[in-house]
Amino acid sequence: MDYLDYLADAATDLLRRVDDVLVQAGAPEDHPIWSLLGRVQALPGDAARAIIALHPVELAESGRALRRLRSGYEEARAVLLEPPAWYGPAAEAYQQHRMSLAAALSSDEWGLAARLDATASYLDDVAGWAEASRKQLASVLVEVLGSAEAVVVVAADLFRDPATPSWLGEWAGLTARQTAREAPCPWSGSATTPPMTPAVAPVSAGSPVRAAAEIGARVLDVVVDCLERGEALLRAATERLAAISAPQTSGGAPWSATTLRLEH
């Protein structure tokens, strides 16, 4: 377990309250949380849970598992490079295919062994990104959990009257909660969803609305940074992880009616 695992339960509870306030009451009109919500396309609690769900140890183990396959590639290539114990037109065609496959298994830039290493290295990079993202989120969660804003949000939730829908005041709710909760993660490659529509109202400095916006902005600011680093990592890996085609030979494998000679 890391620090984020220890903080996860308390942070999830606080951010649930933050999300509820943002959904029911909106945020101050000029608050920076609006641009962050538009960038992430998710509420603070949902965005934080996406990072909490990252498992860097499992990603790193996947990279090590891929590297363990390399010895099998090398053994297969060594067998393919051995000269056949027979000759003739069929043997020559067969040898062409052997050499083509051996080349495909090589450590050259576009060889399968090299691509295996590239994929394993990418998994290492993603594991490092996930670990750094978890540490970064844990750092900001420690701050917000002990903040005055957290006290305001929790107190407002504890002392509200469930029978009074306007317990936060006469503020319009967010009109795009469904959009925020169903929007795909921005690093998943899905299409961009429409930005959330602000619900704004004049609020006092000590109100739960402003407190929730402050907490949400601090969390989303970290998430945006993690998102941008992840996107940069993916862009850098695009070329080395490009799909490769099956090995091709210079000629086919012609059928021959001539005598086939085998050495024994």
C-alpha atoms as a PDB file:
ATOM      1  CA  MET A   1       0.000   0.000   0.000  1.00  0.00           C
ATOM      2  CA  ASP A   2       1.133   3.545  -0.698  1.00  0.00           C
ATOM      3  CA  TYR A   3       0.028   6.860   0.819  1.00  0.00           C
ATOM      4  CA  LEU A   4      -2.876   7.175  -1.591  1.00  0.00           C
ATOM      5  CA  ASP A   5      -4.294   3.827  -0.471  1.00  0.00           C
ATOM      6  CA  TYR A   6      -4.341   5.070   3.132  1.00  0.00           C
ATOM      7  CA  LEU A   7      -6.049   8.304   2.119  1.00  0.00           C
ATOM      8  CA  ALA A   8      -8.485   6.819  -0.388  1.00  0.00           C
ATOM      9  CA  ASP A   9     -11.490   6.217   1.882  1.00  0.00           C
ATOM     10  CA  ALA A  10     -11.421   9.601   3.607  1.00  0.00           C
ATOM     11  CA  ALA A  11     -10.677  11.418   0.352  1.00  0.00           C
ATOM     12  CA  THR A  12     -13.432   9.618  -1.532  1.00  0.00           C
ATOM     13  CA  ASP A  13     -15.948  10.597   1.153  1.00  0.00           C
ATOM     14  CA  LEU A  14     -14.886  14.251   1.117  1.00  0.00           C
ATOM     15  CA  LEU A  15     -14.873  14.470  -2.671  1.00  0.00           C
ATOM     16  CA  ARG A  16     -18.317  12.870  -2.808  1.00  0.00           C
ATOM     17  CA  ARG A  17     -19.564  15.760  -0.684  1.00  0.00           C
ATOM     18  CA  VAL A  18     -17.679  18.220  -2.904  1.00  0.00           C
ATOM     19  CA  ASP A  19     -19.280  16.727  -6.016  1.00  0.00           C
ATOM     20  CA  ASP A  20     -22.714  16.922  -4.424  1.00  0.00           C
ATOM     21  CA  VAL A  21     -22.258  20.613  -3.615  1.00  0.00           C
ATOM     22  CA  LEU A  22     -21.012  21.391  -7.124  1.00  0.00           C
ATOM     23  CA  VAL A  23     -23.900  19.499  -8.686  1.00  0.00           C
ATOM     24  CA  GLN A  24     -26.586  21.009  -6.471  1.00  0.00           C
ATOM     25  CA  ALA A  25     -25.272  24.554  -6.148  1.00  0.00           C
ATOM     26  CA  GLY A  26     -22.696  25.187  -8.869  1.00  0.00           C
ATOM     27  CA  ALA A  27     -19.671  27.413  -8.205  1.00  0.00           C
ATOM     28  CA  PRO A  28     -18.778  31.114  -8.209  1.00  0.00           C
ATOM     29  CA  GLU A  29     -18.895  32.557 -11.706  1.00  0.00           C
ATOM     30  CA  ASP A  30     -15.250  33.588 -11.924  1.00  0.00           C
ATOM     31  CA  HIS A  31     -13.800  30.553 -10.154  1.00  0.00           C
ATOM     32  CA  PRO A  32     -10.973  28.651 -11.927  1.00  0.00           C
ATOM     33  CA  ILE A  33     -12.759  25.357 -11.368  1.00  0.00           C
ATOM     34  CA  TRP A  34     -14.855  25.980 -14.492  1.00  0.00           C
ATOM     35  CA  SER A  35     -11.913  25.809 -16.874  1.00  0.00           C
ATOM     36  CA  LEU A  36     -10.611  22.724 -15.061  1.00  0.00           C
ATOM     37  CA  LEU A  37     -13.992  20.998 -15.321  1.00  0.00           C
ATOM     38  CA  GLY A  38     -14.002  21.752 -19.034  1.00  0.00           C
ATOM     39  CA  ARG A  39     -10.525  20.275 -19.454  1.00  0.00           C
ATOM     40  CA  VAL A  40     -11.058  17.092 -17.464  1.00  0.00           C
ATOM     41  CA  GLN A  41     -14.764  16.617 -18.295  1.00  0.00           C
ATOM     42  CA  ALA A  42     -15.358  14.976 -14.919  1.00  0.00           C
ATOM     43  CA  LEU A  43     -16.213  16.029 -11.390  1.00  0.00           C
ATOM     44  CA  PRO A  44     -13.351  16.097  -8.855  1.00  0.00           C
ATOM     45  CA  GLY A  45     -14.423  12.878  -7.143  1.00  0.00           C
ATOM     46  CA  ASP A  46     -14.729  10.969 -10.409  1.00  0.00           C
ATOM     47  CA  ALA A  47     -11.363  12.267 -11.640  1.00  0.00           C
ATOM     48  CA  ALA A  48      -9.627  11.378  -8.383  1.00  0.00           C
ATOM     49  CA  ARG A  49     -11.065   7.865  -8.419  1.00  0.00           C
ATOM     50  CA  ALA A  50      -9.628   7.344 -11.902  1.00  0.00           C
ATOM     51  CA  ILE A  51      -6.133   7.952 -10.517  1.00  0.00           C
ATOM     52  CA  ILE A  52      -6.802   5.955  -7.350  1.00  0.00           C
ATOM     53  CA  ALA A  53      -7.708   3.017  -9.613  1.00  0.00           C
ATOM     54  CA  LEU A  54      -4.266   3.042 -11.291  1.00  0.00           C
ATOM     55  CA  HIS A  55      -2.054   0.065 -10.376  1.00  0.00           C
ATOM     56  CA  PRO A  56       1.613   0.821 -11.180  1.00  0.00           C
ATOM     57  CA  VAL A  57       2.911  -2.418  -9.655  1.00  0.00           C
ATOM     58  CA  GLU A  58       0.783  -4.537 -11.981  1.00  0.00           C
ATOM     59  CA  LEU A  59       1.856  -2.456 -14.984  1.00  0.00           C
ATOM     60  CA  ALA A  60       5.523  -2.879 -14.090  1.00  0.00           C
ATOM     61  CA  GLU A  61       5.060  -6.635 -13.705  1.00  0.00           C
ATOM     62  CA  SER A  62       3.472  -6.773 -17.158  1.00  0.00           C
ATOM     63  CA  GLY A  63       6.616  -5.159 -18.563  1.00  0.00           C
ATOM     64  CA  ARG A  64       8.822  -7.729 -16.847  1.00  0.00           C
ATOM     65  CA  ALA A  65       6.627 -10.548 -18.148  1.00  0.00           C
ATOM     66  CA  LEU A  66       7.081  -9.296 -21.710  1.00  0.00           C
ATOM     67  CA  ARG A  67      10.850  -9.208 -21.314  1.00  0.00           C
ATOM     68  CA  ARG A  68      10.824 -12.818 -20.179  1.00  0.00           C
ATOM     69  CA  LEU A  69       9.414 -13.732 -23.604  1.00  0.00           C
ATOM     70  CA  ARG A  70      12.533 -12.430 -25.344  1.00  0.00           C
ATOM     71  CA  SER A  71      14.544 -15.590 -24.677  1.00  0.00           C
ATOM     72  CA  GLY A  72      11.903 -17.600 -26.531  1.00  0.00           C
ATOM     73  CA  TYR A  73      12.233 -15.272 -29.516  1.00  0.00           C
ATOM     74  CA  GLU A  74      16.011 -15.722 -29.502  1.00  0.00           C
ATOM     75  CA  GLU A  75      15.769 -19.506 -29.277  1.00  0.00           C
ATOM     76  CA  ALA A  76      13.299 -19.646 -32.166  1.00  0.00           C
ATOM     77  CA  ARG A  77      15.532 -17.407 -34.278  1.00  0.00           C
ATOM     78  CA  ALA A  78      18.563 -19.617 -33.613  1.00  0.00           C
ATOM     79  CA  VAL A  79      16.639 -22.680 -34.816  1.00  0.00           C
ATOM     80  CA  LEU A  80      15.478 -20.889 -37.956  1.00  0.00           C
ATOM     81  CA  LEU A  81      19.022 -19.824 -38.837  1.00  0.00           C
ATOM     82  CA  GLU A  82      20.290 -23.408 -38.882  1.00  0.00           C
ATOM     83  CA  PRO A  83      20.744 -24.664 -42.474  1.00  0.00           C
ATOM     84  CA  PRO A  84      18.196 -27.307 -43.525  1.00  0.00           C
ATOM     85  CA  ALA A  85      19.365 -30.887 -43.951  1.00  0.00           C
ATOM     86  CA  TRP A  86      17.784 -31.146 -47.399  1.00  0.00           C
ATOM     87  CA  TYR A  87      17.965 -29.364 -50.721  1.00  0.00           C
ATOM     88  CA  GLY A  88      16.023 -28.776 -53.888  1.00  0.00           C
ATOM     89  CA  PRO A  89      13.530 -26.139 -55.098  1.00  0.00           C
ATOM     90  CA  ALA A  90      11.177 -26.793 -52.183  1.00  0.00           C
ATOM     91  CA  ALA A  91      14.055 -26.559 -49.722  1.00  0.00           C
ATOM     92  CA  GLU A  92      15.101 -23.221 -51.216  1.00  0.00           C
ATOM     93  CA  ALA A  93      11.573 -21.819 -50.904  1.00  0.00           C
ATOM     94  CA  TYR A  94      11.334 -23.144 -47.364  1.00  0.00           C
ATOM     95  CA  GLN A  95      14.692 -21.554 -46.540  1.00  0.00           C
ATOM     96  CA  GLN A  96      13.433 -18.191 -47.808  1.00  0.00           C
ATOM     97  CA  HIS A  97      10.548 -18.345 -45.392  1.00  0.00           C
ATOM     98  CA  ARG A  98      12.877 -19.385 -42.554  1.00  0.00           C
ATOM     99  CA  MET A  99      15.201 -16.444 -43.199  1.00  0.00           C
ATOM    100  CA  SER A 100      12.272 -14.045 -43.457  1.00  0.00           C
ATOM    101  CA  LEU A 101      10.860 -15.195 -40.142  1.00  0.00           C
ATOM    102  CA  ALA A 102      14.301 -15.137 -38.512  1.00  0.00           C
ATOM    103  CA  ALA A 103      14.739 -11.542 -39.657  1.00  0.00           C
ATOM    104  CA  ALA A 104      11.324 -10.667 -38.252  1.00  0.00           C
ATOM    105  CA  LEU A 105      12.400 -12.057 -34.861  1.00  0.00           C
ATOM    106  CA  SER A 106      15.610 -10.027 -34.811  1.00  0.00           C
ATOM    107  CA  SER A 107      16.643  -7.181 -32.533  1.00  0.00           C
ATOM    108  CA  ASP A 108      16.656  -4.689 -35.407  1.00  0.00           C
ATOM    109  CA  GLU A 109      14.511  -1.575 -35.020  1.00  0.00           C
ATOM    110  CA  TRP A 110      11.473  -3.215 -36.618  1.00  0.00           C
ATOM    111  CA  GLY A 111      12.198  -6.749 -35.427  1.00  0.00           C
ATOM    112  CA  LEU A 112       9.788  -8.463 -33.071  1.00  0.00           C
ATOM    113  CA  ALA A 113      12.391  -8.731 -30.306  1.00  0.00           C
ATOM    114  CA  ALA A 114      13.025  -4.997 -30.471  1.00  0.00           C
ATOM    115  CA  ARG A 115       9.307  -4.264 -30.559  1.00  0.00           C
ATOM    116  CA  LEU A 116       8.829  -6.518 -27.549  1.00  0.00           C
ATOM    117  CA  ASP A 117      11.424  -4.447 -25.696  1.00  0.00           C
ATOM    118  CA  ALA A 118       9.716  -1.240 -26.845  1.00  0.00           C
ATOM    119  CA  THR A 119       6.349  -2.414 -25.538  1.00  0.00           C
ATOM    120  CA  ALA A 120       7.903  -3.458 -22.225  1.00  0.00           C
ATOM    121  CA  SER A 121       9.633  -0.076 -21.953  1.00  0.00           C
ATOM    122  CA  TYR A 122       6.328   1.660 -22.642  1.00  0.00           C
ATOM    123  CA  LEU A 123       4.706  -0.307 -19.824  1.00  0.00           C
ATOM    124  CA  ASP A 124       7.575   0.751 -17.558  1.00  0.00           C
ATOM    125  CA  ASP A 125       6.961   4.370 -18.519  1.00  0.00           C
ATOM    126  CA  VAL A 126       3.216   4.047 -17.899  1.00  0.00           C
ATOM    127  CA  ALA A 127       3.903   2.412 -14.528  1.00  0.00           C
ATOM    128  CA  GLY A 128       6.190   5.316 -13.634  1.00  0.00           C
ATOM    129  CA  TRP A 129       3.528   7.788 -14.740  1.00  0.00           C
ATOM    130  CA  ALA A 130       0.884   6.005 -12.660  1.00  0.00           C
ATOM    131  CA  GLU A 131       3.120   5.953  -9.585  1.00  0.00           C
ATOM    132  CA  ALA A 132       3.999   9.638  -9.938  1.00  0.00           C
ATOM    133  CA  SER A 133       0.332  10.522 -10.488  1.00  0.00           C
ATOM    134  CA  ARG A 134      -0.711   8.658  -7.343  1.00  0.00           C
ATOM    135  CA  LYS A 135       1.971  10.427  -5.292  1.00  0.00           C
ATOM    136  CA  GLN A 136       0.960  13.799  -6.708  1.00  0.00           C
ATOM    137  CA  LEU A 137      -2.706  13.206  -5.921  1.00  0.00           C
ATOM    138  CA  ALA A 138      -1.890  11.925  -2.425  1.00  0.00           C
ATOM    139  CA  SER A 139       0.069  15.105  -1.721  1.00  0.00           C
ATOM    140  CA  VAL A 140      -2.836  17.399  -2.571  1.00  0.00           C
ATOM    141  CA  LEU A 141      -5.358  15.176  -0.777  1.00  0.00           C
ATOM    142  CA  VAL A 142      -3.366  15.473   2.451  1.00  0.00           C
ATOM    143  CA  GLU A 143      -3.665  19.242   2.133  1.00  0.00           C
ATOM    144  CA  VAL A 144      -7.379  19.396   1.333  1.00  0.00           C
ATOM    145  CA  LEU A 145      -8.376  16.829   3.969  1.00  0.00           C
ATOM    146  CA  GLY A 146      -6.904  19.062   6.661  1.00  0.00           C
ATOM    147  CA  SER A 147      -8.118  22.332   5.182  1.00  0.00           C
ATOM    148  CA  ALA A 148     -10.681  24.784   6.512  1.00  0.00           C
ATOM    149  CA  GLU A 149     -12.639  24.266   3.295  1.00  0.00           C
ATOM    150  CA  ALA A 150     -13.034  20.574   4.122  1.00  0.00           C
ATOM    151  CA  VAL A 151     -14.502  21.480   7.511  1.00  0.00           C
ATOM    152  CA  VAL A 152     -17.007  23.820   5.843  1.00  0.00           C
ATOM    153  CA  VAL A 153     -18.088  21.224   3.272  1.00  0.00           C
ATOM    154  CA  VAL A 154     -18.441  18.394   5.799  1.00  0.00           C
ATOM    155  CA  ALA A 155     -20.241  20.587   8.332  1.00  0.00           C
ATOM    156  CA  ALA A 156     -22.675  21.821   5.703  1.00  0.00           C
ATOM    157  CA  ASP A 157     -23.447  18.237   4.744  1.00  0.00           C
ATOM    158  CA  LEU A 158     -23.862  17.063   8.344  1.00  0.00           C
ATOM    159  CA  PHE A 159     -26.205  19.881   9.371  1.00  0.00           C
ATOM    160  CA  ARG A 160     -28.316  20.125   6.255  1.00  0.00           C
ATOM    161  CA  ASP A 161     -32.007  19.337   6.360  1.00  0.00           C
ATOM    162  CA  PRO A 162     -32.640  16.476   3.887  1.00  0.00           C
ATOM    163  CA  ALA A 163     -36.238  17.662   3.554  1.00  0.00           C
ATOM    164  CA  THR A 164     -35.071  21.071   2.346  1.00  0.00           C
ATOM    165  CA  PRO A 165     -33.728  20.880  -1.214  1.00  0.00           C
ATOM    166  CA  SER A 166     -32.385  24.433  -0.996  1.00  0.00           C
ATOM    167  CA  TRP A 167     -30.155  23.768   2.010  1.00  0.00           C
ATOM    168  CA  LEU A 168     -27.238  25.472   0.234  1.00  0.00           C
ATOM    169  CA  GLY A 169     -29.247  28.527  -0.711  1.00  0.00           C
ATOM    170  CA  GLU A 170     -31.152  29.596  -3.778  1.00  0.00           C
ATOM    171  CA  TRP A 171     -28.598  28.481  -6.390  1.00  0.00           C
ATOM    172  CA  ALA A 172     -29.375  26.661  -9.600  1.00  0.00           C
ATOM    173  CA  GLY A 173     -27.828  23.215  -9.876  1.00  0.00           C
ATOM    174  CA  LEU A 174     -25.359  22.154 -12.522  1.00  0.00           C
ATOM    175  CA  THR A 175     -27.217  21.449 -15.726  1.00  0.00           C
ATOM    176  CA  ALA A 176     -24.678  18.907 -16.949  1.00  0.00           C
ATOM    177  CA  ARG A 177     -24.121  16.467 -14.112  1.00  0.00           C
ATOM    178  CA  GLN A 178     -25.053  13.544 -16.332  1.00  0.00           C
ATOM    179  CA  THR A 179     -22.585  14.755 -18.940  1.00  0.00           C
ATOM    180  CA  ALA A 180     -19.838  14.959 -16.358  1.00  0.00           C
ATOM    181  CA  ARG A 181     -20.438  11.531 -14.918  1.00  0.00           C
ATOM    182  CA  GLU A 182     -20.834   9.755 -18.236  1.00  0.00           C
ATOM    183  CA  ALA A 183     -18.052  11.553 -20.098  1.00  0.00           C
ATOM    184  CA  PRO A 184     -15.239   9.170 -21.071  1.00  0.00           C
ATOM    185  CA  CYS A 185     -11.832   9.601 -19.490  1.00  0.00           C
ATOM    186  CA  PRO A 186      -9.941  12.088 -21.679  1.00  0.00           C
ATOM    187  CA  TRP A 187      -6.932   9.776 -21.930  1.00  0.00           C
ATOM    188  CA  SER A 188      -9.053   6.927 -23.324  1.00  0.00           C
ATOM    189  CA  GLY A 189      -9.011   8.342 -26.858  1.00  0.00           C
ATOM    190  CA  SER A 190     -12.781   8.850 -26.931  1.00  0.00           C
ATOM    191  CA  ALA A 191     -14.440  11.838 -28.540  1.00  0.00           C
ATOM    192  CA  THR A 192     -14.527  15.063 -26.577  1.00  0.00           C
ATOM    193  CA  THR A 193     -17.817  15.721 -24.814  1.00  0.00           C
ATOM    194  CA  PRO A 194     -19.483  19.146 -24.680  1.00  0.00           C
ATOM    195  CA  PRO A 195     -18.243  21.406 -21.857  1.00  0.00           C
ATOM    196  CA  MET A 196     -20.268  21.569 -18.653  1.00  0.00           C
ATOM    197  CA  THR A 197     -22.654  24.488 -18.369  1.00  0.00           C
ATOM    198  CA  PRO A 198     -21.825  26.694 -15.358  1.00  0.00           C
ATOM    199  CA  ALA A 199     -24.407  27.278 -12.666  1.00  0.00           C
ATOM    200  CA  VAL A 200     -23.318  30.493 -11.000  1.00  0.00           C
ATOM    201  CA  ALA A 201     -24.450  32.574  -8.062  1.00  0.00           C
ATOM    202  CA  PRO A 202     -23.032  35.179  -5.692  1.00  0.00           C
ATOM    203  CA  VAL A 203     -21.606  33.293  -2.699  1.00  0.00           C
ATOM    204  CA  SER A 204     -19.850  34.400   0.467  1.00  0.00           C
ATOM    205  CA  ALA A 205     -16.217  33.577   1.204  1.00  0.00           C
ATOM    206  CA  GLY A 206     -17.136  31.025   3.866  1.00  0.00           C
ATOM    207  CA  SER A 207     -19.958  29.299   2.025  1.00  0.00           C
ATOM    208  CA  PRO A 208     -19.884  25.552   1.280  1.00  0.00           C
ATOM    209  CA  VAL A 209     -20.216  26.402  -2.407  1.00  0.00           C
ATOM    210  CA  ARG A 210     -16.968  28.338  -2.495  1.00  0.00           C
ATOM    211  CA  ALA A 211     -15.267  25.806  -0.216  1.00  0.00           C
ATOM    212  CA  ALA A 212     -16.263  22.938  -2.515  1.00  0.00           C
ATOM    213  CA  ALA A 213     -15.042  24.881  -5.537  1.00  0.00           C
ATOM    214  CA  GLU A 214     -11.677  25.503  -3.870  1.00  0.00           C
ATOM    215  CA  ILE A 215     -11.200  21.827  -3.014  1.00  0.00           C
ATOM    216  CA  GLY A 216     -12.383  20.703  -6.423  1.00  0.00           C
ATOM    217  CA  ALA A 217     -10.046  23.108  -8.203  1.00  0.00           C
ATOM    218  CA  ARG A 218      -7.009  21.918  -6.263  1.00  0.00           C
ATOM    219  CA  VAL A 219      -7.777  18.294  -7.041  1.00  0.00           C
ATOM    220  CA  LEU A 220      -8.584  18.911 -10.699  1.00  0.00           C
ATOM    221  CA  ASP A 221      -5.432  20.991 -11.148  1.00  0.00           C
ATOM    222  CA  VAL A 222      -3.378  17.933 -10.202  1.00  0.00           C
ATOM    223  CA  VAL A 223      -5.485  15.696 -12.434  1.00  0.00           C
ATOM    224  CA  VAL A 224      -4.923  18.025 -15.402  1.00  0.00           C
ATOM    225  CA  ASP A 225      -1.167  17.858 -14.855  1.00  0.00           C
ATOM    226  CA  CYS A 226      -1.302  14.050 -14.679  1.00  0.00           C
ATOM    227  CA  LEU A 227      -3.443  13.984 -17.796  1.00  0.00           C
ATOM    228  CA  GLU A 228      -1.040  16.160 -19.770  1.00  0.00           C
ATOM    229  CA  ARG A 229       1.950  14.040 -18.767  1.00  0.00           C
ATOM    230  CA  GLY A 230       0.073  10.905 -19.787  1.00  0.00           C
ATOM    231  CA  GLU A 231      -0.852  12.375 -23.153  1.00  0.00           C
ATOM    232  CA  ALA A 232       2.774  13.387 -23.770  1.00  0.00           C
ATOM    233  CA  LEU A 233       3.891   9.866 -22.885  1.00  0.00           C
ATOM    234  CA  LEU A 234       1.453   8.365 -25.367  1.00  0.00           C
ATOM    235  CA  ARG A 235       2.510  10.734 -28.148  1.00  0.00           C
ATOM    236  CA  ALA A 236       6.179   9.899 -27.594  1.00  0.00           C
ATOM    237  CA  ALA A 237       5.452   6.168 -27.825  1.00  0.00           C
ATOM    238  CA  THR A 238       3.239   6.273 -30.914  1.00  0.00           C
ATOM    239  CA  GLU A 239       5.979   5.601 -33.483  1.00  0.00           C
ATOM    240  CA  ARG A 240       7.780   2.833 -31.625  1.00  0.00           C
ATOM    241  CA  LEU A 241       4.483   1.073 -30.911  1.00  0.00           C
ATOM    242  CA  ALA A 242       3.120   1.334 -34.457  1.00  0.00           C
ATOM    243  CA  ALA A 243       1.627  -1.868 -35.831  1.00  0.00           C
ATOM    244  CA  ILE A 244       3.905  -4.048 -37.942  1.00  0.00           C
ATOM    245  CA  SER A 245       2.943  -6.323 -40.805  1.00  0.00           C
ATOM    246  CA  ALA A 246       3.583 -10.033 -41.137  1.00  0.00           C
ATOM    247  CA  PRO A 247       7.009 -10.993 -42.538  1.00  0.00           C
ATOM    248  CA  GLN A 248       7.168 -11.191 -46.325  1.00  0.00           C
ATOM    249  CA  THR A 249       9.420 -13.313 -48.502  1.00  0.00           C
ATOM    250  CA  SER A 250      10.844 -12.424 -51.878  1.00  0.00           C
ATOM    251  CA  GLY A 251       9.190 -15.393 -53.501  1.00  0.00           C
ATOM    252  CA  GLY A 252       6.470 -17.907 -52.925  1.00  0.00           C
ATOM    253  CA  ALA A 253       6.798 -21.553 -52.033  1.00  0.00           C
ATOM    254  CA  PRO A 254       6.531 -23.203 -55.470  1.00  0.00           C
ATOM    255  CA  TRP A 255       5.402 -26.760 -55.830  1.00  0.00           C
ATOM    256  CA  SER A 256       8.032 -28.907 -57.488  1.00  0.00           C
ATOM    257  CA  ALA A 257       7.803 -32.320 -59.099  1.00  0.00           C
ATOM    258  CA  THR A 258      11.587 -32.750 -59.034  1.00  0.00           C
ATOM    259  CA  THR A 259      13.422 -35.145 -56.787  1.00  0.00           C
ATOM    260  CA  LEU A 260      13.777 -34.086 -53.150  1.00  0.00           C
ATOM    261  CA  ARG A 261      17.056 -35.141 -51.533  1.00  0.00           C
ATOM    262  CA  LEU A 262      17.453 -35.489 -47.775  1.00  0.00           C
ATOM    263  CA  GLU A 263      20.721 -35.904 -45.873  1.00  0.00           C
ATOM    264  CA  HIS A 264      20.779 -38.510 -43.140  1.00  0.00           C
END
